C-alpha atoms as a PDB file:
ATOM      1  CA  UNK A   1      40.174  19.686 -10.867  1.00  0.00           C
ATOM      2  CA  UNK A   2      41.012  16.057 -10.117  1.00  0.00           C
ATOM      3  CA  UNK A   3      38.422  13.902  -8.404  1.00  0.00           C
ATOM      4  CA  UNK A   4      39.930  11.571  -5.827  1.00  0.00           C
ATOM      5  CA  UNK A   5      38.937   7.915  -5.827  1.00  0.00           C
ATOM      6  CA  UNK A   6      37.805   8.514  -2.248  1.00  0.00           C
ATOM      7  CA  UNK A   7      35.388  11.273  -3.277  1.00  0.00           C
ATOM      8  CA  UNK A   8      31.832   9.961  -2.724  1.00  0.00           C
ATOM      9  CA  UNK A   9      29.660   9.818  -5.820  1.00  0.00           C
ATOM     10  CA  UNK A  10      26.527  11.881  -5.421  1.00  0.00           C
ATOM     11  CA  UNK A  11      23.330  10.064  -6.308  1.00  0.00           C
ATOM     12  CA  UNK A  12      19.623  10.909  -6.264  1.00  0.00           C
ATOM     13  CA  UNK A  13      17.294   9.173  -3.817  1.00  0.00           C
ATOM     14  CA  UNK A  14      13.925   8.711  -5.455  1.00  0.00           C
ATOM     15  CA  UNK A  15      11.301   7.544  -3.004  1.00  0.00           C
ATOM     16  CA  UNK A  16       7.672   6.748  -2.361  1.00  0.00           C
ATOM     17  CA  UNK A  17       6.010   5.609   0.873  1.00  0.00           C
ATOM     18  CA  UNK A  18       7.414   2.075   1.070  1.00  0.00           C
ATOM     19  CA  UNK A  19       5.823  -0.599   3.229  1.00  0.00           C
ATOM     20  CA  UNK A  20       8.859  -2.898   2.905  1.00  0.00           C
ATOM     21  CA  UNK A  21      11.285  -0.161   3.931  1.00  0.00           C
ATOM     22  CA  UNK A  22       9.234   0.665   7.027  1.00  0.00           C
ATOM     23  CA  UNK A  23       8.919  -3.014   7.943  1.00  0.00           C
ATOM     24  CA  UNK A  24      12.671  -3.529   7.589  1.00  0.00           C
ATOM     25  CA  UNK A  25      13.224  -0.561   9.921  1.00  0.00           C
ATOM     26  CA  UNK A  26      10.954  -2.074  12.577  1.00  0.00           C
ATOM     27  CA  UNK A  27       7.948   0.181  11.949  1.00  0.00           C
ATOM     28  CA  UNK A  28       4.362  -0.807  11.225  1.00  0.00           C
ATOM     29  CA  UNK A  29       3.285   0.143   7.696  1.00  0.00           C
ATOM     30  CA  UNK A  30      -0.145   0.983   6.380  1.00  0.00           C
ATOM     31  CA  UNK A  31      -1.528   0.121   2.963  1.00  0.00           C
ATOM     32  CA  UNK A  32      -3.409   3.424   2.951  1.00  0.00           C
ATOM     33  CA  UNK A  33      -0.417   5.074   1.322  1.00  0.00           C
ATOM     34  CA  UNK A  34      -0.104   8.849   1.862  1.00  0.00           C
ATOM     35  CA  UNK A  35       1.575   9.024  -1.567  1.00  0.00           C
ATOM     36  CA  UNK A  36      -1.179   7.285  -3.577  1.00  0.00           C
ATOM     37  CA  UNK A  37      -4.735   8.614  -3.770  1.00  0.00           C
ATOM     38  CA  UNK A  38      -7.369   6.565  -5.601  1.00  0.00           C
ATOM     39  CA  UNK A  39     -10.674   6.907  -3.750  1.00  0.00           C
ATOM     40  CA  UNK A  40     -13.330   9.371  -2.697  1.00  0.00           C
ATOM     41  CA  UNK A  41     -15.623   8.919   0.293  1.00  0.00           C
ATOM     42  CA  UNK A  42     -19.369   8.725   0.847  1.00  0.00           C
ATOM     43  CA  UNK A  43     -19.563   6.490  -0.955  1.00  0.00           C
ATOM     44  CA  UNK A  44     -16.133   4.867  -0.938  1.00  0.00           C
ATOM     45  CA  UNK A  45     -15.478   4.739  -4.680  1.00  0.00           C
ATOM     46  CA  UNK A  46     -12.649   4.974  -7.194  1.00  0.00           C
ATOM     47  CA  UNK A  47     -11.673   8.236  -8.817  1.00  0.00           C
ATOM     48  CA  UNK A  48     -11.132   8.329 -12.571  1.00  0.00           C
ATOM     49  CA  UNK A  49      -7.384   8.782 -11.970  1.00  0.00           C
ATOM     50  CA  UNK A  50      -4.822   7.775  -9.369  1.00  0.00           C
ATOM     51  CA  UNK A  51      -2.675  10.605  -8.003  1.00  0.00           C
ATOM     52  CA  UNK A  52       0.889   9.630  -7.086  1.00  0.00           C
ATOM     53  CA  UNK A  53       3.693  11.563  -5.346  1.00  0.00           C
ATOM     54  CA  UNK A  54       7.327  10.762  -6.178  1.00  0.00           C
ATOM     55  CA  UNK A  55      10.043  12.418  -4.058  1.00  0.00           C
ATOM     56  CA  UNK A  56      13.762  12.946  -4.478  1.00  0.00           C
ATOM     57  CA  UNK A  57      15.208  12.884  -0.971  1.00  0.00           C
ATOM     58  CA  UNK A  58      18.721  13.812  -2.069  1.00  0.00           C
ATOM     59  CA  UNK A  59      19.538  17.372  -0.911  1.00  0.00           C
ATOM     60  CA  UNK A  60      21.884  18.092  -3.803  1.00  0.00           C
ATOM     61  CA  UNK A  61      21.486  15.646  -6.712  1.00  0.00           C
ATOM     62  CA  UNK A  62      18.651  15.763  -9.256  1.00  0.00           C
ATOM     63  CA  UNK A  63      17.180  12.587 -10.747  1.00  0.00           C
ATOM     64  CA  UNK A  64      16.975  12.599 -14.536  1.00  0.00           C
ATOM     65  CA  UNK A  65      15.021  10.180 -16.712  1.00  0.00           C
ATOM     66  CA  UNK A  66      13.570   8.050 -13.938  1.00  0.00           C
ATOM     67  CA  UNK A  67      10.874   5.589 -14.973  1.00  0.00           C
ATOM     68  CA  UNK A  68       7.787   5.261 -12.790  1.00  0.00           C
ATOM     69  CA  UNK A  69       5.786   2.080 -13.375  1.00  0.00           C
ATOM     70  CA  UNK A  70       2.098   1.938 -12.492  1.00  0.00           C
ATOM     71  CA  UNK A  71       0.536  -1.429 -11.682  1.00  0.00           C
ATOM     72  CA  UNK A  72      -2.901  -2.526 -10.524  1.00  0.00           C
ATOM     73  CA  UNK A  73      -4.161  -5.676  -8.852  1.00  0.00           C
ATOM     74  CA  UNK A  74      -7.383  -7.062  -7.401  1.00  0.00           C
ATOM     75  CA  UNK A  75      -7.890  -6.255  -3.719  1.00  0.00           C
ATOM     76  CA  UNK A  76      -6.016  -8.686  -1.510  1.00  0.00           C
ATOM     77  CA  UNK A  77      -2.568  -9.982  -0.631  1.00  0.00           C
ATOM     78  CA  UNK A  78      -0.438 -11.573  -3.334  1.00  0.00           C
ATOM     79  CA  UNK A  79      -3.051 -11.058  -6.043  1.00  0.00           C
ATOM     80  CA  UNK A  80      -1.776 -10.773  -9.607  1.00  0.00           C
ATOM     81  CA  UNK A  81      -0.333  -7.382 -10.523  1.00  0.00           C
ATOM     82  CA  UNK A  82      -0.657  -5.976 -14.031  1.00  0.00           C
ATOM     83  CA  UNK A  83       1.724  -3.264 -15.264  1.00  0.00           C
ATOM     84  CA  UNK A  84      -0.535  -0.741 -16.976  1.00  0.00           C
ATOM     85  CA  UNK A  85       1.586   2.306 -17.732  1.00  0.00           C
ATOM     86  CA  UNK A  86       5.054   3.822 -17.277  1.00  0.00           C
ATOM     87  CA  UNK A  87       6.062   7.486 -17.179  1.00  0.00           C
ATOM     88  CA  UNK A  88       9.487   9.117 -17.468  1.00  0.00           C
ATOM     89  CA  UNK A  89      10.136  11.904 -14.968  1.00  0.00           C
ATOM     90  CA  UNK A  90      12.830  14.309 -13.821  1.00  0.00           C
ATOM     91  CA  UNK A  91      12.860  15.251 -10.147  1.00  0.00           C
ATOM     92  CA  UNK A  92      14.987  18.084  -8.779  1.00  0.00           C
ATOM     93  CA  UNK A  93      16.937  17.679  -5.545  1.00  0.00           C
ATOM     94  CA  UNK A  94      14.813  17.991  -2.396  1.00  0.00           C
ATOM     95  CA  UNK A  95      11.715  18.124  -4.556  1.00  0.00           C
ATOM     96  CA  UNK A  96       8.720  16.074  -5.621  1.00  0.00           C
ATOM     97  CA  UNK A  97       6.532  15.513  -8.655  1.00  0.00           C
ATOM     98  CA  UNK A  98       2.829  14.713  -8.735  1.00  0.00           C
ATOM     99  CA  UNK A  99       1.817  12.181 -11.369  1.00  0.00           C
ATOM    100  CA  UNK A 100      -1.591  11.133 -12.607  1.00  0.00           C
ATOM    101  CA  UNK A 101      -2.376   7.640 -13.856  1.00  0.00           C
ATOM    102  CA  UNK A 102      -5.774   6.846 -15.399  1.00  0.00           C
ATOM    103  CA  UNK A 103      -7.821   3.967 -14.033  1.00  0.00           C
ATOM    104  CA  UNK A 104      -9.200   1.761 -16.805  1.00  0.00           C
ATOM    105  CA  UNK A 105     -12.938   1.726 -17.361  1.00  0.00           C
ATOM    106  CA  UNK A 106     -12.978  -2.001 -16.584  1.00  0.00           C
ATOM    107  CA  UNK A 107     -11.445  -1.182 -13.199  1.00  0.00           C
ATOM    108  CA  UNK A 108     -13.809   1.703 -12.506  1.00  0.00           C
ATOM    109  CA  UNK A 109     -16.788  -0.569 -13.118  1.00  0.00           C
ATOM    110  CA  UNK A 110     -15.534  -3.218 -10.712  1.00  0.00           C
ATOM    111  CA  UNK A 111     -14.435  -3.495  -7.098  1.00  0.00           C
ATOM    112  CA  UNK A 112     -13.562  -0.034  -5.628  1.00  0.00           C
ATOM    113  CA  UNK A 113     -10.911  -1.743  -3.500  1.00  0.00           C
ATOM    114  CA  UNK A 114      -8.475  -2.124  -6.433  1.00  0.00           C
ATOM    115  CA  UNK A 115      -4.809  -2.261  -5.439  1.00  0.00           C
ATOM    116  CA  UNK A 116      -2.378   0.279  -6.908  1.00  0.00           C
ATOM    117  CA  UNK A 117       1.386  -0.347  -6.912  1.00  0.00           C
ATOM    118  CA  UNK A 118       4.210   2.020  -7.909  1.00  0.00           C
ATOM    119  CA  UNK A 119       7.734   0.904  -8.865  1.00  0.00           C
ATOM    120  CA  UNK A 120      10.496   3.467  -9.512  1.00  0.00           C
ATOM    121  CA  UNK A 121      13.462   2.639 -11.771  1.00  0.00           C
ATOM    122  CA  UNK A 122      16.649   4.719 -11.854  1.00  0.00           C
ATOM    123  CA  UNK A 123      20.114   3.243 -12.488  1.00  0.00           C
ATOM    124  CA  UNK A 124      21.897   5.503  -9.995  1.00  0.00           C
ATOM    125  CA  UNK A 125      19.374   5.621  -7.151  1.00  0.00           C
ATOM    126  CA  UNK A 126      21.166   5.579  -3.799  1.00  0.00           C
ATOM    127  CA  UNK A 127      18.463   3.680  -1.888  1.00  0.00           C
ATOM    128  CA  UNK A 128      16.460   1.121  -3.886  1.00  0.00           C
ATOM    129  CA  UNK A 129      14.710   0.085  -0.662  1.00  0.00           C
ATOM    130  CA  UNK A 130      12.212   2.963  -0.957  1.00  0.00           C
ATOM    131  CA  UNK A 131      11.484   2.603  -4.685  1.00  0.00           C
ATOM    132  CA  UNK A 132       8.275   0.572  -4.352  1.00  0.00           C
ATOM    133  CA  UNK A 133       5.006   1.323  -2.562  1.00  0.00           C
ATOM    134  CA  UNK A 134       1.399   0.197  -2.671  1.00  0.00           C
ATOM    135  CA  UNK A 135      -2.106   1.209  -1.772  1.00  0.00           C
ATOM    136  CA  UNK A 136      -4.435  -1.687  -1.013  1.00  0.00           C
ATOM    137  CA  UNK A 137      -7.324  -0.603   1.143  1.00  0.00           C
ATOM    138  CA  UNK A 138     -11.031  -0.799   1.845  1.00  0.00           C
ATOM    139  CA  UNK A 139     -13.143   1.740   3.656  1.00  0.00           C
ATOM    140  CA  UNK A 140     -16.535   2.663   4.993  1.00  0.00           C
ATOM    141  CA  UNK A 141     -18.624   4.430   7.627  1.00  0.00           C
ATOM    142  CA  UNK A 142     -20.048   2.613  10.624  1.00  0.00           C
ATOM    143  CA  UNK A 143     -23.545   3.819   9.708  1.00  0.00           C
ATOM    144  CA  UNK A 144     -23.062   1.678   6.587  1.00  0.00           C
ATOM    145  CA  UNK A 145     -21.224  -1.343   7.998  1.00  0.00           C
ATOM    146  CA  UNK A 146     -22.414  -1.359  11.596  1.00  0.00           C
ATOM    147  CA  UNK A 147     -20.118  -1.297  14.622  1.00  0.00           C
ATOM    148  CA  UNK A 148     -19.245  -4.965  14.248  1.00  0.00           C
ATOM    149  CA  UNK A 149     -18.461  -6.380  10.816  1.00  0.00           C
ATOM    150  CA  UNK A 150     -16.113  -8.567   8.771  1.00  0.00           C
ATOM    151  CA  UNK A 151     -13.938  -7.939   5.717  1.00  0.00           C
ATOM    152  CA  UNK A 152     -13.133 -10.739   3.273  1.00  0.00           C
ATOM    153  CA  UNK A 153      -9.479 -10.612   2.140  1.00  0.00           C
ATOM    154  CA  UNK A 154      -8.184 -12.805  -0.716  1.00  0.00           C
ATOM    155  CA  UNK A 155      -4.705 -14.123   0.140  1.00  0.00           C
ATOM    156  CA  UNK A 156      -2.649 -15.737  -2.618  1.00  0.00           C
ATOM    157  CA  UNK A 157       0.614 -17.636  -2.490  1.00  0.00           C
ATOM    158  CA  UNK A 158       2.107 -16.190  -5.666  1.00  0.00           C
ATOM    159  CA  UNK A 159       5.076 -18.589  -5.571  1.00  0.00           C
ATOM    160  CA  UNK A 160       5.527 -21.927  -7.418  1.00  0.00           C
ATOM    161  CA  UNK A 161       6.355 -23.708  -4.119  1.00  0.00           C
ATOM    162  CA  UNK A 162       4.371 -24.329  -0.913  1.00  0.00           C
ATOM    163  CA  UNK A 163       4.810 -21.590   1.687  1.00  0.00           C
ATOM    164  CA  UNK A 164       3.593 -20.901   5.201  1.00  0.00           C
ATOM    165  CA  UNK A 165       1.977 -17.477   5.230  1.00  0.00           C
ATOM    166  CA  UNK A 166       1.294 -15.815   8.566  1.00  0.00           C
ATOM    167  CA  UNK A 167      -1.329 -13.088   8.974  1.00  0.00           C
ATOM    168  CA  UNK A 168      -1.403 -10.589  11.822  1.00  0.00           C
ATOM    169  CA  UNK A 169      -3.269  -7.409  12.731  1.00  0.00           C
ATOM    170  CA  UNK A 170      -1.133  -4.391  13.521  1.00  0.00           C
ATOM    171  CA  UNK A 171      -1.646  -2.055  16.456  1.00  0.00           C
ATOM    172  CA  UNK A 172      -5.086  -0.445  16.297  1.00  0.00           C
ATOM    173  CA  UNK A 173      -7.601   1.143  18.699  1.00  0.00           C
ATOM    174  CA  UNK A 174     -10.226  -1.180  17.215  1.00  0.00           C
ATOM    175  CA  UNK A 175     -10.975  -4.712  18.380  1.00  0.00           C
ATOM    176  CA  UNK A 176      -9.683  -6.659  15.383  1.00  0.00           C
ATOM    177  CA  UNK A 177      -8.679 -10.257  14.646  1.00  0.00           C
ATOM    178  CA  UNK A 178      -7.796 -12.104  11.456  1.00  0.00           C
ATOM    179  CA  UNK A 179      -8.277 -15.771  10.595  1.00  0.00           C
ATOM    180  CA  UNK A 180      -6.526 -17.897   9.656  1.00  0.00           C
ATOM    181  CA  UNK A 181      -3.428 -16.463  11.295  1.00  0.00           C
ATOM    182  CA  UNK A 182      -1.109 -19.098   9.813  1.00  0.00           C
ATOM    183  CA  UNK A 183      -1.570 -21.536   6.959  1.00  0.00           C
ATOM    184  CA  UNK A 184       0.480 -23.651   4.560  1.00  0.00           C
ATOM    185  CA  UNK A 185      -0.425 -22.548   1.043  1.00  0.00           C
ATOM    186  CA  UNK A 186       0.107 -24.734  -1.980  1.00  0.00           C
ATOM    187  CA  UNK A 187       1.691 -23.138  -5.077  1.00  0.00           C
ATOM    188  CA  UNK A 188      -0.524 -20.282  -6.339  1.00  0.00           C
ATOM    189  CA  UNK A 189      -3.303 -21.244  -3.923  1.00  0.00           C
ATOM    190  CA  UNK A 190      -5.824 -18.581  -2.892  1.00  0.00           C
ATOM    191  CA  UNK A 191      -7.666 -18.524   0.430  1.00  0.00           C
ATOM    192  CA  UNK A 192     -10.189 -16.005   1.719  1.00  0.00           C
ATOM    193  CA  UNK A 193      -9.097 -14.658   5.090  1.00  0.00           C
ATOM    194  CA  UNK A 194     -11.538 -12.864   7.380  1.00  0.00           C
ATOM    195  CA  UNK A 195     -10.817  -9.679   9.283  1.00  0.00           C
ATOM    196  CA  UNK A 196     -13.318  -9.246  12.128  1.00  0.00           C
ATOM    197  CA  UNK A 197     -13.667  -5.695  13.453  1.00  0.00           C
ATOM    198  CA  UNK A 198     -15.591  -4.349  16.434  1.00  0.00           C
ATOM    199  CA  UNK A 199     -15.761  -0.673  17.369  1.00  0.00           C
ATOM    200  CA  UNK A 200     -15.034  -0.116  21.099  1.00  0.00           C
ATOM    201  CA  UNK A 201     -18.041   1.045  23.050  1.00  0.00           C
ATOM    202  CA  UNK A 202     -16.377   4.323  24.039  1.00  0.00           C
ATOM    203  CA  UNK A 203     -15.536   5.331  20.447  1.00  0.00           C
ATOM    204  CA  UNK A 204     -18.211   7.536  18.873  1.00  0.00           C
ATOM    205  CA  UNK A 205     -18.349  10.164  16.156  1.00  0.00           C
ATOM    206  CA  UNK A 206     -20.946  12.041  14.170  1.00  0.00           C
ATOM    207  CA  UNK A 207     -21.815  12.510  10.523  1.00  0.00           C
ATOM    208  CA  UNK A 208     -20.151  15.929  10.614  1.00  0.00           C
ATOM    209  CA  UNK A 209     -17.168  14.825  12.704  1.00  0.00           C
ATOM    210  CA  UNK A 210     -16.409  11.104  12.303  1.00  0.00           C
ATOM    211  CA  UNK A 211     -13.557   9.368  14.100  1.00  0.00           C
ATOM    212  CA  UNK A 212     -11.039   8.223  11.467  1.00  0.00           C
ATOM    213  CA  UNK A 213      -9.282   4.988  12.354  1.00  0.00           C
ATOM    214  CA  UNK A 214      -8.131   1.764  10.705  1.00  0.00           C
ATOM    215  CA  UNK A 215      -6.960  -1.828  11.045  1.00  0.00           C
ATOM    216  CA  UNK A 216      -4.096  -3.273   8.988  1.00  0.00           C
ATOM    217  CA  UNK A 217      -3.470  -6.926   8.168  1.00  0.00           C
ATOM    218  CA  UNK A 218       0.143  -7.853   7.384  1.00  0.00           C
ATOM    219  CA  UNK A 219       1.281 -11.052   5.681  1.00  0.00           C
ATOM    220  CA  UNK A 220       4.731 -12.495   6.354  1.00  0.00           C
ATOM    221  CA  UNK A 221       6.661 -15.675   5.702  1.00  0.00           C
ATOM    222  CA  UNK A 222       8.029 -17.811   8.529  1.00  0.00           C
ATOM    223  CA  UNK A 223      11.343 -15.926   8.444  1.00  0.00           C
ATOM    224  CA  UNK A 224       9.554 -12.600   8.946  1.00  0.00           C
ATOM    225  CA  UNK A 225       9.764 -11.439   5.335  1.00  0.00           C
ATOM    226  CA  UNK A 226       6.893  -9.061   4.558  1.00  0.00           C
ATOM    227  CA  UNK A 227       4.983 -10.124   1.439  1.00  0.00           C
ATOM    228  CA  UNK A 228       1.994  -7.774   1.552  1.00  0.00           C
ATOM    229  CA  UNK A 229      -0.925  -6.363   3.448  1.00  0.00           C
ATOM    230  CA  UNK A 230      -4.237  -4.529   3.353  1.00  0.00           C
ATOM    231  CA  UNK A 231      -5.744  -1.745   5.443  1.00  0.00           C
ATOM    232  CA  UNK A 232      -9.415  -1.345   6.372  1.00  0.00           C
ATOM    233  CA  UNK A 233     -10.250   2.324   6.925  1.00  0.00           C
ATOM    234  CA  UNK A 234     -13.102   3.002   9.337  1.00  0.00           C
ATOM    235  CA  UNK A 235     -14.950   6.261   9.811  1.00  0.00           C
ATOM    236  CA  UNK A 236     -16.978   6.048  13.019  1.00  0.00           C
ATOM    237  CA  UNK A 237     -19.961   8.347  12.484  1.00  0.00           C
ATOM    238  CA  UNK A 238     -22.361   7.078  15.142  1.00  0.00           C
END
């Protein structure tokens, strides 16, 4: 059988929940990734391992010998990422694999808001735009934080040139503001931004049935390029 030059080449489409892909499509992302699980609740603390879901969205082409890179970073936007481990995986068409990555003891003994980042490498992937996703979040109950509180967010310009970084809060049922909302950062400069959150007076939950909600801060450059974000999860239990 002769394959015509016009015959499309079938390729796998490895994917993870990708903030940049959603942003490019005009949707609001969250940094509480549904494909990366790192924390337990009450108290909000790290698990010993991160659980990660990798999907192959192609309906007919398997992905062989893909490399999944696992990186961690301090909580914040633009903070330094460290590549900790890589795994080789095979993913059948229209299928998924569940991977487990250990969290280092030094991480487990530190800030439970550690960022986790996944990068997928495959030479024949049909859509590289969904090959990278992150989880960078904080969380707590209102009986712990109160109904009005602030979250400190490190923001780093990880470029060797000055850049204007703009911060905004995505759509949320909470009353939330971030400051500063725009600032010129010097090369590799870090600033602590503040996310102020207030729970609306008509929003109430209980210990047995809390209201689960969140506020997300997104960081962009002046041209609208998304460079990162964080999500504050809130469980309203009063």
